[in-house]
Structures are given as structure tokens and as C-alpha cells.
Amino acid sequence: LQVLLLGQNKIDAKGAIELGKNTAWANLEELNLSKNDIRDKGASGLAKNEAWVNLQTLDLAGNKIEGEGAVELGKNKAWSNLQTLNLSKNDIRDRGAVGLARSMVWENLQVLDLNTNKIGAEGASELSKNKTWMNLQTLNLSYNVIEDKGAAELARNTVWTELETLDLSSNGISDQGALELSQNTTWTNLHTF
């Protein structure tokens, strides 16, 4: 099995925990559980999986995941091939963003979608400090509460040399935040901002 598409179903934490226990799908490359109801316990159950070493795409958008679930996902050590992580439209807030930022395994991460998660300046600051995501190409932080302080923290990033798309729409960023962002000299490949 390489692709498992279970989006828009009625899977809750129990189902996600059971999926996470699977050891047979060593070739799994894509798992879509978007728009279910797995919450923190389900995300934690998935995060315990050590068999999916080829996982490249994980879509958990719209699952009512809060900070604890995101922290647990960030602790996973097996998903070193992860390229796309979609946690949009959850409720991970700063705590979850900090937990994700502490991941030192996702060296191949190219797309990180955290839109609509109530992430503030603290979460943005910690995300910007991650030194592992050198291949990050797309970061979607739209519809959060990053504001000027968070924008300034993001602007201090010196690692994301491959960044092409940065979406900070609807974050309460003023002229000052825009000025801070414009002074970043690392994002030379940025074409959508």
C-alpha cells in the first residue's frame, strides 16, 4: 500500500490510533485523513507509528487537533522522508507550532500548511528558528494571529533558502511587519508572498 485516502469520513481518535499501530504498510507514501475527527489523541496515536518510513505526505487538515497533538507529531522519529505536512484548519496555536518546530527529523520537508490555527508570534518565532527544514519551499501561515511581532521573528530566518511561497494573509500585519519581512536576505527564491 502506497496511498491511503480516508479524507472526509467519520474517523475519530480510536480509528486513528488503530491506523497508527499498523506495521505492514512500510511503503506508505501518502496518508490523507483530512476532515475527520481524530483530535489530539488520534494525532498522538499516528505519531507513535515507526513503520511508515517512506511517508512523504500527511494530510490531517480539519481534524480539531490542538497543541498536544501537534507536539506529539513533532516528536515522530520515523518520518524522515516527509515532504508535505498539512495541519490547516485545526487549533494547534503556539504550543503546537513550537512542538512542530522542535522536529529535527523532517529534513525533506518542502510544504508546511498551518493556516487557520490561531498561531501567534511565539509560534512563528519558534518555526523560524528550525534549522532542519532547509528544503522548505512553501509555508502557509495565513489566517493566524502572527501580527507584526511574529512577522519580525519570521524575517530573522536564515535557513529557508529554498522558500518560494510564504502566505501570511490575514494575520494583522501592519507596515512595520511588512518592513521587517522585506529585509530578509535569505529568501532569494521567494516568488509568492
N, C-alpha and C. Protein backbone atom coordinates (compact mmCIF):
# COMPACT_ATOMS: atom_id res chain seq x y z
N LEU A 1 0.85 -1.19 0.00
CA LEU A 1 0.00 0.00 0.00
C LEU A 1 0.88 1.24 0.00
N GLN A 2 0.65 2.13 -0.96
CA GLN A 2 1.42 3.36 -1.05
C GLN A 2 0.60 4.59 -0.73
N VAL A 3 -0.70 4.56 -1.05
CA VAL A 3 -1.56 5.73 -0.83
C VAL A 3 -2.82 5.28 -0.10
N LEU A 4 -3.13 5.98 1.00
CA LEU A 4 -4.34 5.69 1.76
C LEU A 4 -5.14 6.98 1.90
N LEU A 5 -6.28 7.03 1.23
CA LEU A 5 -7.12 8.23 1.19
C LEU A 5 -8.39 7.99 2.00
N LEU A 6 -8.43 8.58 3.18
CA LEU A 6 -9.58 8.42 4.06
C LEU A 6 -10.15 9.77 4.50
N GLY A 7 -9.96 10.78 3.68
CA GLY A 7 -10.47 12.11 3.99
C GLY A 7 -11.98 12.16 3.99
N GLN A 8 -12.54 13.10 4.75
CA GLN A 8 -13.97 13.36 4.83
C GLN A 8 -14.78 12.12 5.19
N ASN A 9 -14.37 11.49 6.27
CA ASN A 9 -15.10 10.35 6.80
C ASN A 9 -15.50 10.62 8.24
N LYS A 10 -15.76 9.59 8.98
CA LYS A 10 -16.18 9.73 10.38
C LYS A 10 -15.15 9.08 11.30
N ILE A 11 -13.89 9.15 10.92
CA ILE A 11 -12.83 8.53 11.72
C ILE A 11 -12.53 9.42 12.91
N ASP A 12 -12.54 8.82 14.08
CA ASP A 12 -12.23 9.59 15.28
C ASP A 12 -10.89 9.14 15.86
N ALA A 13 -10.61 9.51 17.08
CA ALA A 13 -9.32 9.20 17.69
C ALA A 13 -9.05 7.70 17.73
N LYS A 14 -10.06 6.92 18.05
CA LYS A 14 -9.87 5.47 18.14
C LYS A 14 -9.41 4.89 16.80
N GLY A 15 -10.02 5.31 15.72
CA GLY A 15 -9.64 4.83 14.40
C GLY A 15 -8.22 5.25 14.03
N ALA A 16 -7.88 6.49 14.34
CA ALA A 16 -6.54 6.98 14.03
C ALA A 16 -5.48 6.24 14.85
N ILE A 17 -5.79 5.96 16.09
CA ILE A 17 -4.86 5.21 16.95
C ILE A 17 -4.62 3.82 16.36
N GLU A 18 -5.68 3.18 15.90
CA GLU A 18 -5.55 1.85 15.30
C GLU A 18 -4.73 1.90 14.01
N LEU A 19 -4.96 2.93 13.19
CA LEU A 19 -4.15 3.09 11.97
C LEU A 19 -2.68 3.26 12.33
N GLY A 20 -2.42 4.03 13.37
CA GLY A 20 -1.05 4.28 13.80
C GLY A 20 -0.32 3.03 14.26
N LYS A 21 -1.06 2.02 14.67
CA LYS A 21 -0.44 0.76 15.12
C LYS A 21 0.00 -0.12 13.96
N ASN A 22 -0.38 0.24 12.75
CA ASN A 22 -0.07 -0.58 11.59
C ASN A 22 1.43 -0.65 11.34
N THR A 23 1.92 -1.86 11.14
CA THR A 23 3.35 -2.07 10.85
C THR A 23 3.56 -2.69 9.47
N ALA A 24 2.48 -3.00 8.77
CA ALA A 24 2.58 -3.69 7.48
C ALA A 24 2.79 -2.75 6.31
N TRP A 25 2.42 -1.49 6.45
CA TRP A 25 2.46 -0.56 5.33
C TRP A 25 3.78 0.20 5.27
N ALA A 26 4.86 -0.50 5.17
CA ALA A 26 6.19 0.12 5.14
C ALA A 26 6.40 0.98 3.90
N ASN A 27 5.62 0.74 2.86
CA ASN A 27 5.76 1.51 1.62
C ASN A 27 4.77 2.67 1.53
N LEU A 28 4.03 2.93 2.61
CA LEU A 28 3.05 4.01 2.59
C LEU A 28 3.75 5.35 2.34
N GLU A 29 3.31 6.05 1.30
CA GLU A 29 3.88 7.35 0.93
C GLU A 29 2.93 8.50 1.20
N GLU A 30 1.63 8.24 1.16
CA GLU A 30 0.65 9.31 1.37
C GLU A 30 -0.49 8.82 2.25
N LEU A 31 -0.79 9.62 3.27
CA LEU A 31 -1.92 9.35 4.16
C LEU A 31 -2.77 10.60 4.25
N ASN A 32 -4.02 10.50 3.82
CA ASN A 32 -4.95 11.62 3.89
C ASN A 32 -6.08 11.25 4.84
N LEU A 33 -6.08 11.91 5.98
CA LEU A 33 -7.16 11.76 6.96
C LEU A 33 -7.85 13.10 7.18
N SER A 34 -7.79 13.99 6.21
CA SER A 34 -8.36 15.32 6.38
C SER A 34 -9.87 15.26 6.62
N LYS A 35 -10.35 16.25 7.35
CA LYS A 35 -11.78 16.43 7.63
C LYS A 35 -12.41 15.21 8.27
N ASN A 36 -11.73 14.70 9.28
CA ASN A 36 -12.30 13.67 10.14
C ASN A 36 -12.43 14.27 11.53
N ASP A 37 -12.26 13.48 12.55
CA ASP A 37 -12.42 13.98 13.92
C ASP A 37 -11.41 13.28 14.84
N ILE A 38 -10.13 13.25 14.41
CA ILE A 38 -9.14 12.47 15.16
C ILE A 38 -8.64 13.17 16.42
N ARG A 39 -8.67 14.48 16.45
CA ARG A 39 -8.28 15.29 17.61
C ARG A 39 -6.87 14.95 18.10
N ASP A 40 -6.55 15.39 19.31
CA ASP A 40 -5.20 15.20 19.86
C ASP A 40 -4.84 13.73 20.06
N LYS A 41 -5.77 12.97 20.59
CA LYS A 41 -5.47 11.56 20.86
C LYS A 41 -5.19 10.79 19.58
N GLY A 42 -5.93 11.07 18.54
CA GLY A 42 -5.71 10.41 17.26
C GLY A 42 -4.39 10.81 16.63
N ALA A 43 -4.07 12.11 16.71
CA ALA A 43 -2.78 12.58 16.18
C ALA A 43 -1.63 11.94 16.95
N SER A 44 -1.78 11.84 18.25
CA SER A 44 -0.75 11.20 19.08
C SER A 44 -0.59 9.74 18.73
N GLY A 45 -1.70 9.07 18.45
CA GLY A 45 -1.64 7.66 18.04
C GLY A 45 -0.92 7.48 16.72
N LEU A 46 -1.19 8.35 15.78
CA LEU A 46 -0.49 8.30 14.49
C LEU A 46 1.00 8.57 14.68
N ALA A 47 1.31 9.53 15.54
CA ALA A 47 2.70 9.94 15.75
C ALA A 47 3.57 8.82 16.32
N LYS A 48 2.95 7.86 16.95
CA LYS A 48 3.71 6.74 17.53
C LYS A 48 4.15 5.72 16.48
N ASN A 49 3.63 5.87 15.26
CA ASN A 49 3.97 4.90 14.22
C ASN A 49 5.45 5.01 13.83
N GLU A 50 6.11 3.87 13.79
CA GLU A 50 7.52 3.82 13.42
C GLU A 50 7.75 3.03 12.13
N ALA A 51 6.67 2.53 11.53
CA ALA A 51 6.80 1.67 10.35
C ALA A 51 6.75 2.44 9.03
N TRP A 52 6.12 3.60 9.01
CA TRP A 52 5.89 4.32 7.76
C TRP A 52 7.11 5.18 7.42
N VAL A 53 8.22 4.54 7.19
CA VAL A 53 9.48 5.26 6.95
C VAL A 53 9.53 5.93 5.58
N ASN A 54 8.61 5.58 4.70
CA ASN A 54 8.56 6.18 3.37
C ASN A 54 7.47 7.25 3.23
N LEU A 55 6.83 7.58 4.35
CA LEU A 55 5.75 8.56 4.31
C LEU A 55 6.27 9.90 3.80
N GLN A 56 5.63 10.41 2.75
CA GLN A 56 6.01 11.69 2.16
C GLN A 56 4.95 12.77 2.34
N THR A 57 3.68 12.38 2.38
CA THR A 57 2.60 13.34 2.50
C THR A 57 1.65 12.92 3.61
N LEU A 58 1.42 13.83 4.55
CA LEU A 58 0.49 13.58 5.65
C LEU A 58 -0.49 14.75 5.70
N ASP A 59 -1.77 14.47 5.45
CA ASP A 59 -2.81 15.49 5.45
C ASP A 59 -3.77 15.22 6.60
N LEU A 60 -3.68 16.09 7.61
CA LEU A 60 -4.55 15.99 8.78
C LEU A 60 -5.37 17.27 8.95
N ALA A 61 -5.63 17.97 7.86
CA ALA A 61 -6.38 19.22 7.92
C ALA A 61 -7.78 18.99 8.47
N GLY A 62 -8.27 19.96 9.23
CA GLY A 62 -9.66 19.93 9.70
C GLY A 62 -10.00 18.76 10.60
N ASN A 63 -9.18 18.50 11.61
CA ASN A 63 -9.39 17.36 12.50
C ASN A 63 -9.51 17.74 13.98
N LYS A 64 -9.67 19.02 14.27
CA LYS A 64 -9.80 19.50 15.65
C LYS A 64 -8.58 19.14 16.50
N ILE A 65 -7.42 19.11 15.85
CA ILE A 65 -6.17 18.84 16.56
C ILE A 65 -5.73 20.12 17.27
N GLU A 66 -5.37 19.97 18.52
CA GLU A 66 -4.90 21.12 19.29
C GLU A 66 -3.39 20.99 19.52
N GLY A 67 -2.88 21.76 20.42
CA GLY A 67 -1.44 21.82 20.66
C GLY A 67 -0.80 20.48 20.98
N GLU A 68 -1.41 19.71 21.84
CA GLU A 68 -0.82 18.43 22.27
C GLU A 68 -0.63 17.48 21.10
N GLY A 69 -1.60 17.40 20.23
CA GLY A 69 -1.48 16.52 19.07
C GLY A 69 -0.34 16.93 18.15
N ALA A 70 -0.21 18.24 17.94
CA ALA A 70 0.89 18.73 17.09
C ALA A 70 2.24 18.48 17.74
N VAL A 71 2.32 18.66 19.05
CA VAL A 71 3.57 18.38 19.77
C VAL A 71 3.97 16.93 19.58
N GLU A 72 3.03 16.02 19.68
CA GLU A 72 3.32 14.60 19.51
C GLU A 72 3.75 14.29 18.08
N LEU A 73 3.10 14.89 17.11
CA LEU A 73 3.51 14.69 15.72
C LEU A 73 4.96 15.13 15.52
N GLY A 74 5.32 16.24 16.13
CA GLY A 74 6.68 16.75 16.03
C GLY A 74 7.73 15.83 16.64
N LYS A 75 7.30 14.94 17.51
CA LYS A 75 8.23 14.01 18.16
C LYS A 75 8.51 12.75 17.34
N ASN A 76 7.73 12.52 16.28
CA ASN A 76 7.92 11.31 15.48
C ASN A 76 9.32 11.28 14.88
N LYS A 77 9.98 10.15 15.01
CA LYS A 77 11.36 9.99 14.53
C LYS A 77 11.46 9.17 13.24
N ALA A 78 10.35 8.55 12.82
CA ALA A 78 10.40 7.63 11.67
C ALA A 78 10.14 8.31 10.33
N TRP A 79 9.46 9.44 10.33
CA TRP A 79 9.02 10.04 9.08
C TRP A 79 10.07 10.98 8.51
N SER A 80 11.25 10.50 8.31
CA SER A 80 12.35 11.35 7.81
C SER A 80 12.19 11.72 6.34
N ASN A 81 11.30 11.02 5.63
CA ASN A 81 11.05 11.34 4.22
C ASN A 81 9.86 12.27 4.01
N LEU A 82 9.28 12.75 5.10
CA LEU A 82 8.10 13.61 5.00
C LEU A 82 8.42 14.87 4.20
N GLN A 83 7.62 15.11 3.17
CA GLN A 83 7.80 16.29 2.31
C GLN A 83 6.67 17.29 2.46
N THR A 84 5.46 16.81 2.75
CA THR A 84 4.30 17.69 2.87
C THR A 84 3.53 17.35 4.14
N LEU A 85 3.33 18.37 4.97
CA LEU A 85 2.52 18.22 6.18
C LEU A 85 1.44 19.29 6.15
N ASN A 86 0.18 18.84 6.15
CA ASN A 86 -0.95 19.75 6.15
C ASN A 86 -1.71 19.58 7.46
N LEU A 87 -1.60 20.59 8.30
CA LEU A 87 -2.36 20.65 9.55
C LEU A 87 -3.29 21.85 9.56
N SER A 88 -3.67 22.32 8.39
CA SER A 88 -4.52 23.50 8.31
C SER A 88 -5.88 23.27 8.96
N LYS A 89 -6.49 24.37 9.38
CA LYS A 89 -7.85 24.36 9.93
C LYS A 89 -7.99 23.44 11.12
N ASN A 90 -6.99 23.50 12.01
CA ASN A 90 -7.07 22.83 13.30
C ASN A 90 -7.01 23.92 14.37
N ASP A 91 -6.46 23.63 15.50
CA ASP A 91 -6.39 24.61 16.59
C ASP A 91 -5.10 24.41 17.38
N ILE A 92 -3.97 24.30 16.65
CA ILE A 92 -2.71 23.94 17.32
C ILE A 92 -2.10 25.08 18.11
N ARG A 93 -2.41 26.30 17.76
CA ARG A 93 -1.93 27.50 18.45
C ARG A 93 -0.40 27.50 18.59
N ASP A 94 0.10 28.36 19.47
CA ASP A 94 1.55 28.48 19.64
C ASP A 94 2.17 27.18 20.16
N ARG A 95 1.51 26.54 21.09
CA ARG A 95 2.06 25.31 21.66
C ARG A 95 2.33 24.27 20.59
N GLY A 96 1.40 24.07 19.69
CA GLY A 96 1.58 23.10 18.61
C GLY A 96 2.65 23.50 17.63
N ALA A 97 2.70 24.79 17.31
CA ALA A 97 3.73 25.28 16.39
C ALA A 97 5.12 25.08 16.99
N VAL A 98 5.25 25.35 18.29
CA VAL A 98 6.53 25.14 18.97
C VAL A 98 6.91 23.67 18.92
N GLY A 99 5.95 22.78 19.16
CA GLY A 99 6.23 21.34 19.11
C GLY A 99 6.67 20.87 17.74
N LEU A 100 6.02 21.38 16.70
CA LEU A 100 6.42 21.03 15.33
C LEU A 100 7.81 21.56 15.02
N ALA A 101 8.08 22.76 15.48
CA ALA A 101 9.37 23.40 15.20
C ALA A 101 10.54 22.65 15.82
N ARG A 102 10.27 21.88 16.84
CA ARG A 102 11.33 21.11 17.51
C ARG A 102 11.69 19.84 16.77
N SER A 103 10.95 19.51 15.70
CA SER A 103 11.26 18.32 14.92
C SER A 103 12.61 18.49 14.23
N MET A 104 13.49 17.56 14.48
CA MET A 104 14.81 17.59 13.84
C MET A 104 14.96 16.46 12.82
N VAL A 105 13.84 15.82 12.48
CA VAL A 105 13.86 14.66 11.60
C VAL A 105 13.42 15.01 10.17
N TRP A 106 12.56 15.98 10.01
CA TRP A 106 11.93 16.25 8.72
C TRP A 106 12.84 17.07 7.82
N GLU A 107 13.98 16.52 7.47
CA GLU A 107 14.95 17.21 6.63
C GLU A 107 14.45 17.43 5.20
N ASN A 108 13.50 16.63 4.77
CA ASN A 108 12.99 16.72 3.40
C ASN A 108 11.70 17.53 3.30
N LEU A 109 11.28 18.14 4.40
CA LEU A 109 10.02 18.89 4.39
C LEU A 109 10.08 20.03 3.39
N GLN A 110 9.10 20.04 2.47
CA GLN A 110 9.03 21.07 1.44
C GLN A 110 7.79 21.95 1.58
N VAL A 111 6.70 21.38 2.08
CA VAL A 111 5.44 22.11 2.20
C VAL A 111 4.90 21.94 3.61
N LEU A 112 4.68 23.07 4.28
CA LEU A 112 4.10 23.07 5.61
C LEU A 112 2.90 24.01 5.60
N ASP A 113 1.71 23.44 5.77
CA ASP A 113 0.48 24.24 5.75
C ASP A 113 -0.12 24.25 7.15
N LEU A 114 -0.04 25.43 7.77
CA LEU A 114 -0.57 25.62 9.12
C LEU A 114 -1.61 26.74 9.15
N ASN A 115 -2.27 26.98 8.03
CA ASN A 115 -3.25 28.07 8.01
C ASN A 115 -4.41 27.79 8.95
N THR A 116 -4.97 28.85 9.50
CA THR A 116 -6.15 28.80 10.35
C THR A 116 -5.92 27.91 11.58
N ASN A 117 -4.96 28.31 12.40
CA ASN A 117 -4.61 27.55 13.60
C ASN A 117 -4.41 28.42 14.85
N LYS A 118 -4.69 29.70 14.77
CA LYS A 118 -4.53 30.62 15.89
C LYS A 118 -3.09 30.69 16.39
N ILE A 119 -2.14 30.57 15.47
CA ILE A 119 -0.72 30.67 15.81
C ILE A 119 -0.36 32.15 15.94
N GLY A 120 0.33 32.48 17.01
CA GLY A 120 0.75 33.86 17.27
C GLY A 120 2.24 34.04 17.07
N ALA A 121 2.75 35.13 17.64
CA ALA A 121 4.15 35.50 17.49
C ALA A 121 5.09 34.44 18.05
N GLU A 122 4.74 33.84 19.18
CA GLU A 122 5.61 32.82 19.77
C GLU A 122 5.77 31.62 18.85
N GLY A 123 4.68 31.16 18.29
CA GLY A 123 4.74 30.03 17.36
C GLY A 123 5.53 30.36 16.11
N ALA A 124 5.31 31.56 15.57
CA ALA A 124 6.05 31.99 14.38
C ALA A 124 7.54 32.07 14.68
N SER A 125 7.86 32.58 15.85
CA SER A 125 9.27 32.70 16.24
C SER A 125 9.95 31.34 16.29
N GLU A 126 9.31 30.37 16.90
CA GLU A 126 9.90 29.04 17.01
C GLU A 126 9.99 28.35 15.66
N LEU A 127 8.98 28.50 14.82
CA LEU A 127 9.04 27.93 13.48
C LEU A 127 10.24 28.48 12.72
N SER A 128 10.46 29.78 12.84
CA SER A 128 11.55 30.43 12.10
C SER A 128 12.93 29.98 12.56
N LYS A 129 13.01 29.44 13.77
CA LYS A 129 14.30 29.01 14.32
C LYS A 129 14.66 27.57 13.96
N ASN A 130 13.73 26.83 13.34
CA ASN A 130 14.03 25.45 12.99
C ASN A 130 15.17 25.41 11.97
N LYS A 131 16.20 24.64 12.28
CA LYS A 131 17.39 24.56 11.42
C LYS A 131 17.37 23.33 10.50
N THR A 132 16.36 22.48 10.65
CA THR A 132 16.29 21.24 9.89
C THR A 132 15.60 21.40 8.55
N TRP A 133 14.66 22.32 8.44
CA TRP A 133 13.82 22.44 7.25
C TRP A 133 14.51 23.26 6.16
N MET A 134 15.67 22.84 5.76
CA MET A 134 16.45 23.57 4.75
C MET A 134 15.83 23.48 3.35
N ASN A 135 14.97 22.50 3.14
CA ASN A 135 14.34 22.31 1.83
C ASN A 135 12.93 22.89 1.74
N LEU A 136 12.52 23.61 2.78
CA LEU A 136 11.17 24.16 2.81
C LEU A 136 10.95 25.12 1.63
N GLN A 137 9.90 24.85 0.85
CA GLN A 137 9.58 25.66 -0.32
C GLN A 137 8.29 26.47 -0.14
N THR A 138 7.35 25.91 0.61
CA THR A 138 6.06 26.57 0.81
C THR A 138 5.69 26.55 2.28
N LEU A 139 5.42 27.73 2.81
CA LEU A 139 4.95 27.85 4.20
C LEU A 139 3.67 28.67 4.18
N ASN A 140 2.58 28.05 4.60
CA ASN A 140 1.29 28.74 4.66
C ASN A 140 0.92 28.95 6.12
N LEU A 141 0.98 30.21 6.53
CA LEU A 141 0.58 30.61 7.88
C LEU A 141 -0.58 31.60 7.83
N SER A 142 -1.34 31.57 6.75
CA SER A 142 -2.46 32.50 6.61
C SER A 142 -3.53 32.25 7.67
N TYR A 143 -4.30 33.28 7.95
CA TYR A 143 -5.42 33.21 8.90
C TYR A 143 -4.99 32.74 10.29
N ASN A 144 -3.90 33.32 10.76
CA ASN A 144 -3.46 33.11 12.13
C ASN A 144 -3.43 34.47 12.82
N VAL A 145 -2.69 34.62 13.88
CA VAL A 145 -2.62 35.88 14.63
C VAL A 145 -1.17 36.27 14.87
N ILE A 146 -0.37 36.17 13.82
CA ILE A 146 1.07 36.39 13.92
C ILE A 146 1.42 37.86 14.18
N GLU A 147 0.73 38.77 13.55
CA GLU A 147 0.91 40.20 13.70
C GLU A 147 2.35 40.64 13.45
N ASP A 148 2.67 41.86 13.79
CA ASP A 148 3.99 42.43 13.48
C ASP A 148 5.13 41.71 14.20
N LYS A 149 4.92 41.38 15.46
CA LYS A 149 5.99 40.72 16.22
C LYS A 149 6.35 39.38 15.60
N GLY A 150 5.36 38.60 15.22
CA GLY A 150 5.61 37.32 14.57
C GLY A 150 6.25 37.47 13.21
N ALA A 151 5.82 38.49 12.47
CA ALA A 151 6.40 38.75 11.16
C ALA A 151 7.89 39.08 11.30
N ALA A 152 8.21 39.89 12.31
CA ALA A 152 9.62 40.24 12.57
C ALA A 152 10.43 39.00 12.91
N GLU A 153 9.86 38.09 13.66
CA GLU A 153 10.55 36.85 14.02
C GLU A 153 10.77 35.98 12.78
N LEU A 154 9.76 35.86 11.95
CA LEU A 154 9.92 35.08 10.71
C LEU A 154 11.00 35.68 9.83
N ALA A 155 11.05 36.99 9.79
CA ALA A 155 12.02 37.68 8.94
C ALA A 155 13.46 37.40 9.35
N ARG A 156 13.67 36.97 10.57
CA ARG A 156 15.02 36.66 11.05
C ARG A 156 15.52 35.28 10.59
N ASN A 157 14.65 34.52 9.93
CA ASN A 157 15.04 33.18 9.48
C ASN A 157 16.19 33.26 8.48
N THR A 158 17.16 32.37 8.70
CA THR A 158 18.34 32.31 7.81
C THR A 158 18.54 30.93 7.19
N VAL A 159 17.56 30.06 7.34
CA VAL A 159 17.70 28.67 6.90
C VAL A 159 16.92 28.34 5.63
N TRP A 160 15.79 28.95 5.43
CA TRP A 160 14.88 28.57 4.35
C TRP A 160 15.32 29.18 3.02
N THR A 161 16.45 28.77 2.53
CA THR A 161 16.99 29.31 1.29
C THR A 161 16.19 28.87 0.05
N GLU A 162 15.42 27.80 0.17
CA GLU A 162 14.62 27.29 -0.95
C GLU A 162 13.19 27.81 -0.94
N LEU A 163 12.84 28.65 0.03
CA LEU A 163 11.47 29.13 0.18
C LEU A 163 11.02 29.89 -1.07
N GLU A 164 9.90 29.43 -1.65
CA GLU A 164 9.34 30.05 -2.85
C GLU A 164 8.02 30.75 -2.56
N THR A 165 7.25 30.19 -1.61
CA THR A 165 5.93 30.72 -1.30
C THR A 165 5.77 30.88 0.20
N LEU A 166 5.42 32.08 0.61
CA LEU A 166 5.14 32.38 2.01
C LEU A 166 3.80 33.10 2.07
N ASP A 167 2.81 32.45 2.66
CA ASP A 167 1.47 33.05 2.75
C ASP A 167 1.21 33.48 4.18
N LEU A 168 1.14 34.79 4.37
CA LEU A 168 0.85 35.37 5.68
C LEU A 168 -0.43 36.20 5.62
N SER A 169 -1.32 35.88 4.71
CA SER A 169 -2.59 36.61 4.57
C SER A 169 -3.38 36.58 5.88
N SER A 170 -4.06 37.65 6.16
CA SER A 170 -5.00 37.74 7.30
C SER A 170 -4.33 37.41 8.64
N ASN A 171 -3.25 38.13 8.93
CA ASN A 171 -2.52 37.94 10.18
C ASN A 171 -2.38 39.23 10.99
N GLY A 172 -3.04 40.29 10.58
CA GLY A 172 -2.95 41.55 11.31
C GLY A 172 -1.58 42.20 11.21
N ILE A 173 -0.88 41.97 10.11
CA ILE A 173 0.45 42.54 9.91
C ILE A 173 0.30 43.95 9.33
N SER A 174 0.98 44.91 9.96
CA SER A 174 0.93 46.29 9.50
C SER A 174 2.17 46.64 8.68
N ASP A 175 2.33 47.93 8.40
CA ASP A 175 3.50 48.40 7.65
C ASP A 175 4.80 47.97 8.32
N GLN A 176 4.85 48.03 9.64
CA GLN A 176 6.07 47.67 10.37
C GLN A 176 6.44 46.20 10.12
N GLY A 177 5.48 45.32 10.19
CA GLY A 177 5.74 43.91 9.92
C GLY A 177 6.18 43.66 8.49
N ALA A 178 5.54 44.37 7.57
CA ALA A 178 5.92 44.25 6.15
C ALA A 178 7.35 44.72 5.94
N LEU A 179 7.72 45.81 6.61
CA LEU A 179 9.08 46.31 6.52
C LEU A 179 10.08 45.27 7.02
N GLU A 180 9.79 44.68 8.15
CA GLU A 180 10.66 43.64 8.72
C GLU A 180 10.82 42.48 7.73
N LEU A 181 9.72 42.02 7.17
CA LEU A 181 9.76 40.90 6.23
C LEU A 181 10.57 41.26 4.99
N SER A 182 10.45 42.48 4.54
CA SER A 182 11.15 42.89 3.32
C SER A 182 12.67 42.94 3.49
N GLN A 183 13.12 42.92 4.72
CA GLN A 183 14.56 43.00 4.97
C GLN A 183 15.24 41.63 5.05
N ASN A 184 14.46 40.55 4.90
CA ASN A 184 15.07 39.22 4.90
C ASN A 184 15.89 39.04 3.62
N THR A 185 17.12 38.60 3.75
CA THR A 185 18.00 38.40 2.60
C THR A 185 18.23 36.92 2.29
N THR A 186 17.62 36.05 3.04
CA THR A 186 17.79 34.60 2.86
C THR A 186 16.85 34.05 1.79
N TRP A 187 15.67 34.58 1.71
CA TRP A 187 14.62 34.03 0.84
C TRP A 187 14.77 34.55 -0.58
N THR A 188 15.87 34.24 -1.22
CA THR A 188 16.15 34.76 -2.56
C THR A 188 15.30 34.08 -3.64
N ASN A 189 14.72 32.92 -3.34
CA ASN A 189 13.87 32.22 -4.32
C ASN A 189 12.39 32.54 -4.15
N LEU A 190 12.06 33.40 -3.21
CA LEU A 190 10.67 33.74 -2.93
C LEU A 190 10.03 34.43 -4.14
N HIS A 191 8.93 33.85 -4.63
CA HIS A 191 8.21 34.46 -5.75
C HIS A 191 6.75 34.71 -5.44
N THR A 192 6.22 34.14 -4.36
CA THR A 192 4.84 34.39 -3.96
C THR A 192 4.82 34.75 -2.49
N PHE A 193 4.37 35.96 -2.24
CA PHE A 193 4.39 36.46 -0.87
C PHE A 193 3.15 37.28 -0.63
